[in-house]
Amino acid sequence: MIKPARYIVVILFVLAVAGTFGLFQVRATINEPAGLLTPWPHNGTNLRITSVRLYDPDSGDLKSVDAVDIRHGRITAIYGTGDSIPDHYGATLEGRQRVLLPGLTDFHVHLGASDGRPPWAMDGLAMVSVASQREAFLYSGITAVVEGSPNALAALDQALAPSPRVYPSTRMITALDGHPIPMYQEFVPWPMTGLVIDEQVLAIASADTSAGAIEALVNGPGHHVKLVLDGAIPWDSPRLTEADVAAVVKHAHAAGKPVYVHIGSAQDAVMAARAGADVLMHTPYVDLLSDSDLAELKASGVAVVTTAQIWEWFQRGLNKQPALTGLERQLASPGLLAAWADDWHRASADYQSTTFSQDYLARLSGFNANLTENLKRLYQAGIPQIAGTDTGIPGLTPGASLIRELQLLQSYGLAAPDLLRMATSAPGTLLGDSNSGRIQPGSAADLVLVEGDPTSDVSALAELAYVIQAGVVYQRRQ
């Protein structure tokens, strides 16, 4: 007979073993590669790409060049037609008159946040493969991503898979009980709720009373400071003031970091711009931008991330139109594909939520209509726009959703050359590197080789021959 004390020891030992085994299983899941890409067999220090049509983001034109030389992950020389080309000692990739573009940037992603299922299809905290997400981005020609929040699984993410460059976010600064806290409280199961909130969010009553915490945050890890100024998720939730935003911007800029602001309404957008925000991480969706709003945004120089699909996903799933693209079907998670096959009218009608109530779901078509119109107004006003998806929210798929974002924007009347700039040179400049997003000597060799002509139809971006990340060539798995 086991004595009580020894019985307790045995139970604790079993729990420890089970916990350790569970931790290994979780880590294995998070770092499980998808095997989407294979390294080109001739990779090396020196690479020459021959006979390509090179995309120029300034003119939007294609220019035929005889060779592009790459050494140690950077472009060293470009040889036009008729130029004298020196001998090359290294691998040669035949371009065969394909289009050579800078790698794309998705300026709003949430690594490890979810597998894209709608909220009614969630069954607790899903363990997603961040390795697969990284691969999916690169597979789609996306060689850089900008986080909209810290990697939710960073503590266990070993970053082993082929990956785009990741520009990490600080914790999100928000109001007490402001977005995204209610969402975490609803969707992250206990006992993880508080831990996730603490890892993701710095909630403040005001910038003045939390000056020390803000100072510590802006001087800590992260490429940029993320701030939330949105009282619409859930509806009429607490939000910060313009003075709070201005104070955070002052702290962040003194530390050499830009401030990227999540906004919902036209008023949020103007407040953030007045306060000195560098980027608005969404196009306003609560209401329409007025002419005076547009004039103020343009004068401020703030850039606006497109995120055209953040509410469109719901209408799309209800009607199953437009259908999933081939790239989405290839890269979407099994959970999202299974949910897509369901009847969303029935599933959403039965759904009970404090964050996304039935009244709130009824607002989404209006949100989407406002966002679509604001995208067009911003474009017509000449306000800088940056391509980004908010991947990590329901309905979206790493990599594939940026290609669809560009397709959707082209259907709204935005010109293909402008869209390519929004996904290449424009984000490169915002990220602090004038060479980034361009093909010129000194630039990082983050490139995509495309079969068709995306300067006339961005759908051509779905058909890539090769993806090159820091000079390493990858082929899509056949």
Protein backbone atom coordinates (compact mmCIF):
# COMPACT_ATOMS: atom_id res chain seq x y z
CA MET A 1 0.00 0.00 0.00
CA ILE A 2 1.38 3.42 -1.00
CA LYS A 3 1.57 5.89 1.88
CA PRO A 4 -0.18 9.28 1.33
CA ALA A 5 3.08 11.24 1.17
CA ARG A 6 4.56 8.87 -1.41
CA TYR A 7 1.25 8.90 -3.27
CA ILE A 8 1.52 12.69 -3.61
CA VAL A 9 5.12 12.39 -4.82
CA VAL A 10 4.07 9.84 -7.45
CA ILE A 11 1.22 12.08 -8.63
CA LEU A 12 3.53 15.10 -8.86
CA PHE A 13 6.09 13.02 -10.77
CA VAL A 14 3.43 11.84 -13.22
CA LEU A 15 2.17 15.39 -13.71
CA ALA A 16 5.72 16.63 -14.26
CA VAL A 17 6.41 13.94 -16.84
CA ALA A 18 3.07 14.63 -18.55
CA GLY A 19 3.75 18.37 -18.52
CA THR A 20 7.23 17.90 -19.95
CA PHE A 21 5.92 15.55 -22.63
CA GLY A 22 3.14 18.04 -23.41
CA LEU A 23 5.62 20.88 -23.67
CA PHE A 24 7.73 18.89 -26.12
CA GLN A 25 4.62 18.09 -28.14
CA VAL A 26 3.58 21.75 -28.24
CA ARG A 27 7.08 22.84 -29.22
CA ALA A 28 7.17 20.18 -31.94
CA THR A 29 3.82 21.41 -33.31
CA ILE A 30 4.88 25.06 -33.32
CA ASN A 31 8.12 24.26 -35.14
CA GLU A 32 6.77 21.63 -37.52
CA PRO A 33 7.74 22.62 -41.07
CA ALA A 34 5.27 22.37 -43.92
CA GLY A 35 7.87 21.38 -46.50
CA LEU A 36 6.51 23.94 -48.94
CA LEU A 37 9.92 25.01 -50.24
CA THR A 38 13.08 23.26 -51.30
CA PRO A 39 16.47 24.98 -51.60
CA TRP A 40 17.71 25.31 -55.16
CA PRO A 41 20.47 22.70 -55.55
CA HIS A 42 23.07 25.22 -56.78
CA ASN A 43 22.95 27.73 -53.93
CA GLY A 44 26.26 29.33 -52.99
CA THR A 45 27.97 32.60 -52.08
CA ASN A 46 27.88 33.97 -55.64
CA LEU A 47 24.80 33.96 -57.85
CA ARG A 48 24.08 35.40 -61.27
CA ILE A 49 20.53 35.69 -62.60
CA THR A 50 20.47 36.06 -66.38
CA SER A 51 17.97 37.40 -68.92
CA VAL A 52 15.20 38.98 -66.83
CA ARG A 53 12.76 41.84 -67.07
CA LEU A 54 13.49 43.95 -64.02
CA TYR A 55 10.75 45.87 -62.24
CA ASP A 56 11.44 49.56 -61.47
CA PRO A 57 9.15 50.80 -58.66
CA ASP A 58 9.73 54.47 -59.54
CA SER A 59 8.45 54.22 -63.10
CA GLY A 60 6.38 51.07 -62.70
CA ASP A 61 7.99 49.77 -65.90
CA LEU A 62 9.87 46.61 -66.78
CA LYS A 63 13.40 46.85 -68.16
CA SER A 64 15.24 44.00 -69.86
CA VAL A 65 18.61 43.27 -68.30
CA ASP A 66 21.17 40.66 -69.20
CA ALA A 67 22.36 39.81 -65.69
CA VAL A 68 21.99 40.55 -61.98
CA ASP A 69 24.91 39.58 -59.76
CA ILE A 70 24.50 38.66 -56.09
CA ARG A 71 27.24 38.09 -53.54
CA HIS A 72 26.85 37.25 -49.86
CA GLY A 73 23.12 37.95 -50.00
CA ARG A 74 23.30 41.40 -51.59
CA ILE A 75 22.96 42.67 -55.14
CA THR A 76 26.38 43.77 -56.39
CA ALA A 77 25.81 44.63 -60.06
CA ILE A 78 23.15 44.89 -62.77
CA TYR A 79 24.09 44.60 -66.45
CA GLY A 80 21.80 46.09 -69.06
CA THR A 81 21.48 45.03 -72.67
CA GLY A 82 24.80 45.56 -74.42
CA ASP A 83 26.82 46.06 -71.22
CA SER A 84 30.14 44.30 -70.91
CA ILE A 85 29.60 41.44 -68.47
CA PRO A 86 32.62 40.06 -66.59
CA ASP A 87 33.22 36.37 -66.09
CA HIS A 88 31.24 34.86 -63.26
CA TYR A 89 32.47 32.29 -60.76
CA GLY A 90 29.42 30.82 -59.11
CA ALA A 91 25.93 29.51 -59.84
CA THR A 92 23.82 30.87 -62.68
CA LEU A 93 20.02 30.98 -62.54
CA GLU A 94 18.46 31.37 -65.98
CA GLY A 95 15.73 34.00 -65.86
CA ARG A 96 14.31 33.20 -69.31
CA GLN A 97 12.77 36.67 -69.60
CA ARG A 98 10.68 36.23 -66.49
CA VAL A 99 9.90 39.30 -64.37
CA LEU A 100 12.29 39.92 -61.46
CA LEU A 101 10.66 41.81 -58.60
CA PRO A 102 11.75 42.81 -55.11
CA GLY A 103 10.28 40.46 -52.53
CA LEU A 104 6.89 41.52 -51.21
CA THR A 105 6.15 42.86 -47.72
CA ASP A 106 3.00 42.16 -45.70
CA PHE A 107 2.86 45.15 -43.36
CA HIS A 108 0.40 43.69 -40.83
CA VAL A 109 0.59 40.11 -39.57
CA HIS A 110 0.13 38.26 -36.29
CA LEU A 111 2.44 35.25 -36.17
CA GLY A 112 1.16 32.35 -34.08
CA ALA A 113 -2.16 34.05 -33.31
CA SER A 114 -4.55 31.59 -34.96
CA ASP A 115 -5.05 29.23 -37.87
CA GLY A 116 -7.65 31.47 -39.52
CA ARG A 117 -10.82 29.74 -38.35
CA PRO A 118 -13.87 31.96 -37.65
CA PRO A 119 -14.57 32.47 -33.94
CA TRP A 120 -17.52 30.06 -33.82
CA ALA A 121 -15.24 27.27 -35.07
CA MET A 122 -12.61 27.78 -32.38
CA ASP A 123 -12.29 25.12 -29.69
CA GLY A 124 -9.88 26.62 -27.21
CA LEU A 125 -6.32 27.80 -27.71
CA ALA A 126 -5.13 26.21 -30.96
CA MET A 127 -1.45 25.37 -31.34
CA VAL A 128 -0.46 26.50 -34.79
CA SER A 129 2.76 25.80 -36.63
CA VAL A 130 4.59 29.11 -36.79
CA ALA A 131 7.19 27.37 -38.95
CA SER A 132 4.47 26.57 -41.50
CA GLN A 133 3.24 30.16 -41.38
CA ARG A 134 6.74 31.47 -42.09
CA GLU A 135 7.10 29.07 -45.00
CA ALA A 136 3.71 30.03 -46.40
CA PHE A 137 4.70 33.69 -46.47
CA LEU A 138 7.95 32.94 -48.29
CA TYR A 139 6.21 30.49 -50.61
CA SER A 140 3.95 33.37 -51.67
CA GLY A 141 6.87 35.66 -52.46
CA ILE A 142 6.68 37.60 -49.20
CA THR A 143 10.22 38.17 -47.99
CA ALA A 144 9.37 40.55 -45.12
CA VAL A 145 6.52 40.78 -42.61
CA VAL A 146 5.69 43.45 -40.06
CA GLU A 147 4.13 42.27 -36.82
CA GLY A 148 0.95 43.86 -35.55
CA SER A 149 1.54 42.26 -32.16
CA PRO A 150 4.27 40.14 -30.59
CA ASN A 151 4.61 36.58 -31.89
CA ALA A 152 2.08 34.78 -29.70
CA LEU A 153 4.26 31.67 -29.55
CA ALA A 154 7.68 33.35 -29.46
CA ALA A 155 8.82 31.52 -26.33
CA LEU A 156 8.65 28.18 -28.15
CA ASP A 157 9.30 29.33 -31.73
CA GLN A 158 12.78 28.21 -32.77
CA ALA A 159 12.57 29.96 -36.18
CA LEU A 160 13.95 26.88 -37.92
CA ALA A 161 12.01 27.00 -41.19
CA PRO A 162 12.74 29.17 -44.23
CA SER A 163 11.38 32.53 -43.19
CA PRO A 164 10.80 36.07 -44.33
CA ARG A 165 12.47 38.88 -42.44
CA VAL A 166 10.34 39.65 -39.40
CA TYR A 167 10.02 43.18 -38.05
CA PRO A 168 8.89 42.54 -34.47
CA SER A 169 6.38 44.59 -32.52
CA THR A 170 6.48 45.68 -28.92
CA ARG A 171 3.59 44.78 -26.69
CA MET A 172 0.46 46.69 -27.68
CA ILE A 173 -0.23 49.83 -25.67
CA THR A 174 -3.96 50.20 -25.07
CA ALA A 175 -6.49 51.63 -22.63
CA LEU A 176 -7.54 49.73 -19.54
CA ASP A 177 -10.01 47.10 -20.80
CA GLY A 178 -9.48 48.39 -24.34
CA HIS A 179 -9.01 46.31 -27.48
CA PRO A 180 -7.70 43.59 -27.66
CA ILE A 181 -8.15 42.74 -23.96
CA PRO A 182 -11.86 41.74 -24.14
CA MET A 183 -11.07 39.48 -27.09
CA TYR A 184 -8.29 37.71 -25.18
CA GLN A 185 -10.55 37.36 -22.15
CA GLU A 186 -13.18 35.63 -24.26
CA PHE A 187 -11.08 33.46 -26.56
CA VAL A 188 -7.99 32.50 -24.55
CA PRO A 189 -8.93 29.76 -22.06
CA TRP A 190 -8.11 29.95 -18.38
CA PRO A 191 -5.48 29.66 -16.91
CA MET A 192 -3.64 31.14 -19.92
CA THR A 193 -5.76 34.30 -20.13
CA GLY A 194 -3.79 36.56 -17.82
CA LEU A 195 -0.45 35.29 -19.07
CA VAL A 196 -1.34 35.98 -22.71
CA ILE A 197 -2.64 39.46 -21.90
CA ASP A 198 0.54 40.29 -19.98
CA GLU A 199 2.70 39.01 -22.85
CA GLN A 200 0.77 40.91 -25.52
CA VAL A 201 -0.51 44.12 -23.94
CA LEU A 202 0.53 47.10 -21.83
CA ALA A 203 -2.77 48.52 -20.56
CA ILE A 204 -2.57 52.07 -19.21
CA ALA A 205 -4.96 54.49 -17.53
CA SER A 206 -3.07 57.38 -19.13
CA ALA A 207 0.34 58.07 -20.59
CA ASP A 208 1.16 60.37 -17.67
CA THR A 209 0.47 57.81 -14.94
CA SER A 210 2.28 55.06 -16.88
CA ALA A 211 5.28 57.05 -18.13
CA GLY A 212 7.78 54.67 -16.53
CA ALA A 213 6.19 51.57 -18.05
CA ILE A 214 6.01 53.25 -21.47
CA GLU A 215 9.65 54.29 -21.26
CA ALA A 216 10.68 50.74 -20.41
CA LEU A 217 8.62 49.34 -23.28
CA VAL A 218 9.95 51.69 -25.97
CA ASN A 219 13.52 51.01 -24.89
CA GLY A 220 13.01 47.25 -24.89
CA PRO A 221 12.77 44.71 -27.71
CA GLY A 222 10.83 45.49 -30.87
CA HIS A 223 11.34 47.29 -34.16
CA HIS A 224 8.28 49.52 -33.68
CA VAL A 225 5.83 50.50 -30.97
CA LYS A 226 2.26 49.28 -31.48
CA LEU A 227 -0.55 51.38 -30.02
CA VAL A 228 -4.30 50.72 -30.12
CA LEU A 229 -6.71 53.63 -30.63
CA ASP A 230 -10.00 51.95 -31.47
CA GLY A 231 -13.22 51.90 -29.47
CA ALA A 232 -15.11 49.68 -31.90
CA ILE A 233 -13.91 46.16 -30.92
CA PRO A 234 -16.09 45.45 -29.02
CA TRP A 235 -18.39 48.36 -29.75
CA ASP A 236 -17.90 51.43 -27.52
CA SER A 237 -14.92 49.95 -25.68
CA PRO A 238 -12.41 52.16 -23.81
CA ARG A 239 -9.70 53.87 -25.83
CA LEU A 240 -6.79 56.22 -25.27
CA THR A 241 -6.86 59.98 -25.84
CA GLU A 242 -4.99 62.02 -28.43
CA ALA A 243 -2.77 63.33 -25.64
CA ASP A 244 -1.91 59.75 -24.66
CA VAL A 245 -0.96 58.93 -28.25
CA ALA A 246 1.18 62.06 -28.54
CA ALA A 247 3.00 61.19 -25.30
CA VAL A 248 3.71 57.63 -26.48
CA VAL A 249 4.96 58.97 -29.83
CA LYS A 250 7.31 61.34 -28.00
CA HIS A 251 8.73 58.50 -25.87
CA ALA A 252 9.08 56.17 -28.87
CA HIS A 253 10.68 58.68 -31.23
CA ALA A 254 13.17 59.63 -28.54
CA ALA A 255 14.11 55.94 -28.41
CA GLY A 256 14.44 55.83 -32.21
CA LYS A 257 11.30 53.76 -32.82
CA PRO A 258 8.31 54.49 -35.05
CA VAL A 259 4.76 54.20 -33.76
CA TYR A 260 2.23 52.09 -35.63
CA VAL A 261 -1.36 52.75 -34.55
CA HIS A 262 -4.39 50.46 -34.80
CA ILE A 263 -7.38 52.67 -35.64
CA GLY A 264 -11.05 52.05 -36.41
CA SER A 265 -12.79 55.32 -37.17
CA ALA A 266 -12.01 58.40 -39.24
CA GLN A 267 -11.64 60.33 -35.98
CA ASP A 268 -9.13 57.75 -34.70
CA ALA A 269 -7.13 58.15 -37.90
CA VAL A 270 -6.99 61.94 -37.69
CA MET A 271 -6.19 61.89 -33.95
CA ALA A 272 -3.31 59.47 -34.50
CA ALA A 273 -1.95 61.53 -37.40
CA ARG A 274 -2.11 64.76 -35.37
CA ALA A 275 -0.29 63.01 -32.54
CA GLY A 276 2.60 62.10 -34.85
CA ALA A 277 1.90 58.44 -35.63
CA ASP A 278 4.10 57.04 -38.38
CA VAL A 279 1.71 54.41 -39.73
CA LEU A 280 -2.00 53.66 -39.37
CA MET A 281 -2.27 49.87 -39.30
CA HIS A 282 -5.80 49.85 -40.73
CA THR A 283 -7.90 51.79 -43.17
CA PRO A 284 -10.82 53.35 -41.21
CA TYR A 285 -13.93 51.19 -41.28
CA VAL A 286 -16.37 52.58 -38.71
CA ASP A 287 -17.31 55.57 -40.87
CA LEU A 288 -16.25 57.45 -44.01
CA LEU A 289 -13.32 59.83 -44.30
CA SER A 290 -14.41 63.37 -45.12
CA ASP A 291 -12.55 65.72 -47.46
CA SER A 292 -11.16 67.57 -44.43
CA ASP A 293 -10.03 64.26 -42.88
CA LEU A 294 -8.23 63.34 -46.09
CA ALA A 295 -6.56 66.75 -46.28
CA GLU A 296 -5.32 66.44 -42.70
CA LEU A 297 -4.03 62.91 -43.23
CA LYS A 298 -2.22 63.95 -46.41
CA ALA A 299 -0.62 66.96 -44.71
CA SER A 300 0.62 64.76 -41.86
CA GLY A 301 2.46 62.37 -44.18
CA VAL A 302 1.15 59.33 -42.29
CA ALA A 303 1.00 56.04 -44.22
CA VAL A 304 -2.09 53.83 -44.11
CA VAL A 305 -2.06 50.03 -44.28
CA THR A 306 -4.78 48.66 -46.56
CA THR A 307 -6.16 45.60 -44.65
CA ALA A 308 -9.02 45.35 -47.15
CA GLN A 309 -10.16 41.92 -45.95
CA ILE A 310 -10.58 42.47 -42.21
CA TRP A 311 -14.41 42.44 -42.50
CA GLU A 312 -14.82 41.19 -46.06
CA TRP A 313 -13.93 37.67 -44.88
CA PHE A 314 -17.31 37.40 -43.12
CA GLN A 315 -19.45 38.28 -46.16
CA ARG A 316 -17.25 36.08 -48.31
CA GLY A 317 -17.72 33.09 -46.03
CA LEU A 318 -21.47 33.62 -45.78
CA ASN A 319 -21.92 33.65 -49.54
CA LYS A 320 -18.93 31.47 -50.49
CA GLN A 321 -18.15 34.14 -53.05
CA PRO A 322 -15.59 34.93 -54.24
CA ALA A 323 -14.38 31.35 -53.91
CA LEU A 324 -11.05 30.61 -52.29
CA THR A 325 -8.17 31.17 -54.68
CA GLY A 326 -5.93 28.29 -55.65
CA LEU A 327 -3.15 29.67 -53.46
CA GLU A 328 -5.52 30.02 -50.49
CA ARG A 329 -6.71 26.44 -50.88
CA GLN A 330 -3.11 25.28 -51.00
CA LEU A 331 -1.91 27.20 -47.96
CA ALA A 332 -4.97 27.52 -45.70
CA SER A 333 -4.99 25.51 -42.49
CA PRO A 334 -7.13 22.35 -42.28
CA GLY A 335 -9.20 24.13 -39.63
CA LEU A 336 -10.01 27.04 -41.92
CA LEU A 337 -10.77 24.78 -44.89
CA ALA A 338 -13.13 22.68 -42.75
CA ALA A 339 -14.86 25.79 -41.44
CA TRP A 340 -15.16 27.24 -44.94
CA ALA A 341 -17.20 24.22 -46.01
CA ASP A 342 -19.80 24.88 -43.30
CA ASP A 343 -22.98 26.93 -43.64
CA TRP A 344 -21.93 30.24 -42.09
CA HIS A 345 -25.49 31.61 -42.02
CA ARG A 346 -26.45 28.82 -39.62
CA ALA A 347 -23.17 28.75 -37.70
CA SER A 348 -23.03 32.51 -37.11
CA ALA A 349 -26.74 32.70 -36.22
CA ASP A 350 -26.17 30.17 -33.43
CA TYR A 351 -23.00 31.90 -32.21
CA GLN A 352 -23.03 33.57 -28.80
CA SER A 353 -20.21 35.98 -28.01
CA THR A 354 -19.55 39.00 -25.85
CA THR A 355 -17.04 40.44 -28.34
CA PHE A 356 -18.79 39.54 -31.60
CA SER A 357 -22.45 39.57 -30.58
CA GLN A 358 -25.26 39.17 -33.11
CA ASP A 359 -25.68 42.96 -33.13
CA TYR A 360 -21.98 43.32 -33.80
CA LEU A 361 -22.00 40.77 -36.64
CA ALA A 362 -24.83 42.78 -38.21
CA ARG A 363 -22.47 45.77 -38.43
CA LEU A 364 -19.81 43.96 -40.44
CA SER A 365 -21.26 44.52 -43.90
CA GLY A 366 -21.38 48.26 -43.17
CA PHE A 367 -17.82 48.19 -41.85
CA ASN A 368 -16.69 46.49 -45.05
CA ALA A 369 -18.50 49.00 -47.27
CA ASN A 370 -16.94 51.93 -45.40
CA LEU A 371 -13.47 50.41 -45.54
CA THR A 372 -13.77 49.75 -49.28
CA GLU A 373 -14.85 53.32 -49.99
CA ASN A 374 -12.11 54.74 -47.74
CA LEU A 375 -9.48 52.71 -49.58
CA LYS A 376 -10.57 54.39 -52.80
CA ARG A 377 -10.71 57.86 -51.22
CA LEU A 378 -7.21 57.51 -49.77
CA TYR A 379 -5.88 56.37 -53.15
CA GLN A 380 -7.57 59.21 -55.05
CA ALA A 381 -6.26 61.72 -52.51
CA GLY A 382 -2.68 60.51 -52.99
CA ILE A 383 -2.21 59.48 -49.36
CA PRO A 384 0.57 56.87 -48.92
CA GLN A 385 -0.87 53.35 -48.72
CA ILE A 386 0.97 50.19 -47.74
CA ALA A 387 -0.12 46.63 -48.51
CA GLY A 388 -0.97 44.62 -45.41
CA THR A 389 -3.53 42.00 -44.43
CA ASP A 390 -3.87 41.57 -40.65
CA THR A 391 -3.24 37.85 -41.18
CA GLY A 392 -3.97 36.08 -37.91
CA ILE A 393 -7.59 37.22 -37.88
CA PRO A 394 -10.39 34.89 -39.07
CA GLY A 395 -10.60 33.96 -42.72
CA LEU A 396 -7.07 34.90 -43.69
CA THR A 397 -4.13 32.71 -44.69
CA PRO A 398 -0.41 33.50 -44.34
CA GLY A 399 1.03 34.51 -47.70
CA ALA A 400 -1.97 33.78 -49.88
CA SER A 401 -4.00 36.58 -48.31
CA LEU A 402 -1.51 39.27 -49.38
CA ILE A 403 -1.77 38.14 -53.01
CA ARG A 404 -5.55 38.26 -52.71
CA GLU A 405 -5.32 41.66 -50.98
CA LEU A 406 -3.57 43.04 -54.04
CA GLN A 407 -6.08 41.36 -56.37
CA LEU A 408 -8.97 42.84 -54.38
CA LEU A 409 -7.42 46.31 -54.45
CA GLN A 410 -6.92 46.09 -58.21
CA SER A 411 -10.62 45.21 -58.55
CA TYR A 412 -11.36 48.45 -56.63
CA GLY A 413 -9.56 50.47 -59.29
CA LEU A 414 -6.04 50.76 -57.85
CA ALA A 415 -3.45 50.42 -60.63
CA ALA A 416 -1.17 47.38 -60.66
CA PRO A 417 2.13 49.37 -60.70
CA ASP A 418 0.95 51.34 -57.67
CA LEU A 419 -0.02 48.15 -55.87
CA LEU A 420 3.43 46.67 -56.51
CA ARG A 421 4.99 49.81 -55.00
CA MET A 422 2.70 49.44 -51.95
CA ALA A 423 4.12 45.94 -51.41
CA THR A 424 7.81 46.62 -52.24
CA SER A 425 9.56 50.00 -52.21
CA ALA A 426 7.00 51.90 -50.09
CA PRO A 427 7.23 49.56 -47.08
CA GLY A 428 10.98 49.34 -47.57
CA THR A 429 11.32 53.09 -47.12
CA LEU A 430 9.04 53.08 -44.06
CA LEU A 431 11.10 50.31 -42.51
CA GLY A 432 14.16 52.54 -42.63
CA ASP A 433 16.04 51.21 -45.65
CA SER A 434 15.82 53.17 -48.90
CA ASN A 435 17.39 50.19 -50.70
CA SER A 436 14.78 47.75 -49.42
CA GLY A 437 12.06 46.84 -51.88
CA ARG A 438 14.26 47.83 -54.81
CA ILE A 439 16.57 45.99 -57.16
CA GLN A 440 19.79 47.95 -57.22
CA PRO A 441 23.42 47.47 -56.16
CA GLY A 442 23.62 47.38 -52.37
CA SER A 443 20.09 46.08 -51.88
CA ALA A 444 19.41 42.84 -50.04
CA ALA A 445 18.83 40.02 -52.50
CA ASP A 446 15.22 39.43 -51.45
CA LEU A 447 13.62 38.75 -54.81
CA VAL A 448 10.88 36.87 -56.65
CA LEU A 449 10.98 35.57 -60.20
CA VAL A 450 7.49 35.65 -61.72
CA GLU A 451 6.18 33.84 -64.77
CA GLY A 452 3.65 36.48 -65.92
CA ASP A 453 3.51 40.29 -65.89
CA PRO A 454 2.26 41.64 -62.54
CA THR A 455 2.60 45.25 -63.73
CA SER A 456 -0.62 44.72 -65.69
CA ASP A 457 -2.32 42.09 -63.52
CA VAL A 458 -1.21 41.42 -59.95
CA SER A 459 -2.72 37.93 -60.17
CA ALA A 460 0.54 36.96 -61.87
CA LEU A 461 2.17 37.09 -58.42
CA ALA A 462 0.49 33.78 -57.61
CA GLU A 463 2.69 32.02 -60.17
CA LEU A 464 6.26 32.22 -58.93
CA ALA A 465 9.20 30.37 -60.43
CA TYR A 466 11.64 31.12 -57.59
CA VAL A 467 11.80 33.00 -54.30
CA ILE A 468 15.15 34.40 -53.19
CA GLN A 469 15.73 35.31 -49.56
CA ALA A 470 19.06 36.95 -48.67
CA GLY A 471 20.58 35.41 -51.79
CA VAL A 472 19.32 31.89 -51.05
CA VAL A 473 17.15 30.53 -53.87
CA TYR A 474 14.05 28.45 -53.06
CA GLN A 475 11.78 26.51 -55.34
CA ARG A 476 8.18 25.65 -54.64
CA ARG A 477 7.63 22.02 -53.79
CA GLN A 478 6.17 20.21 -56.77
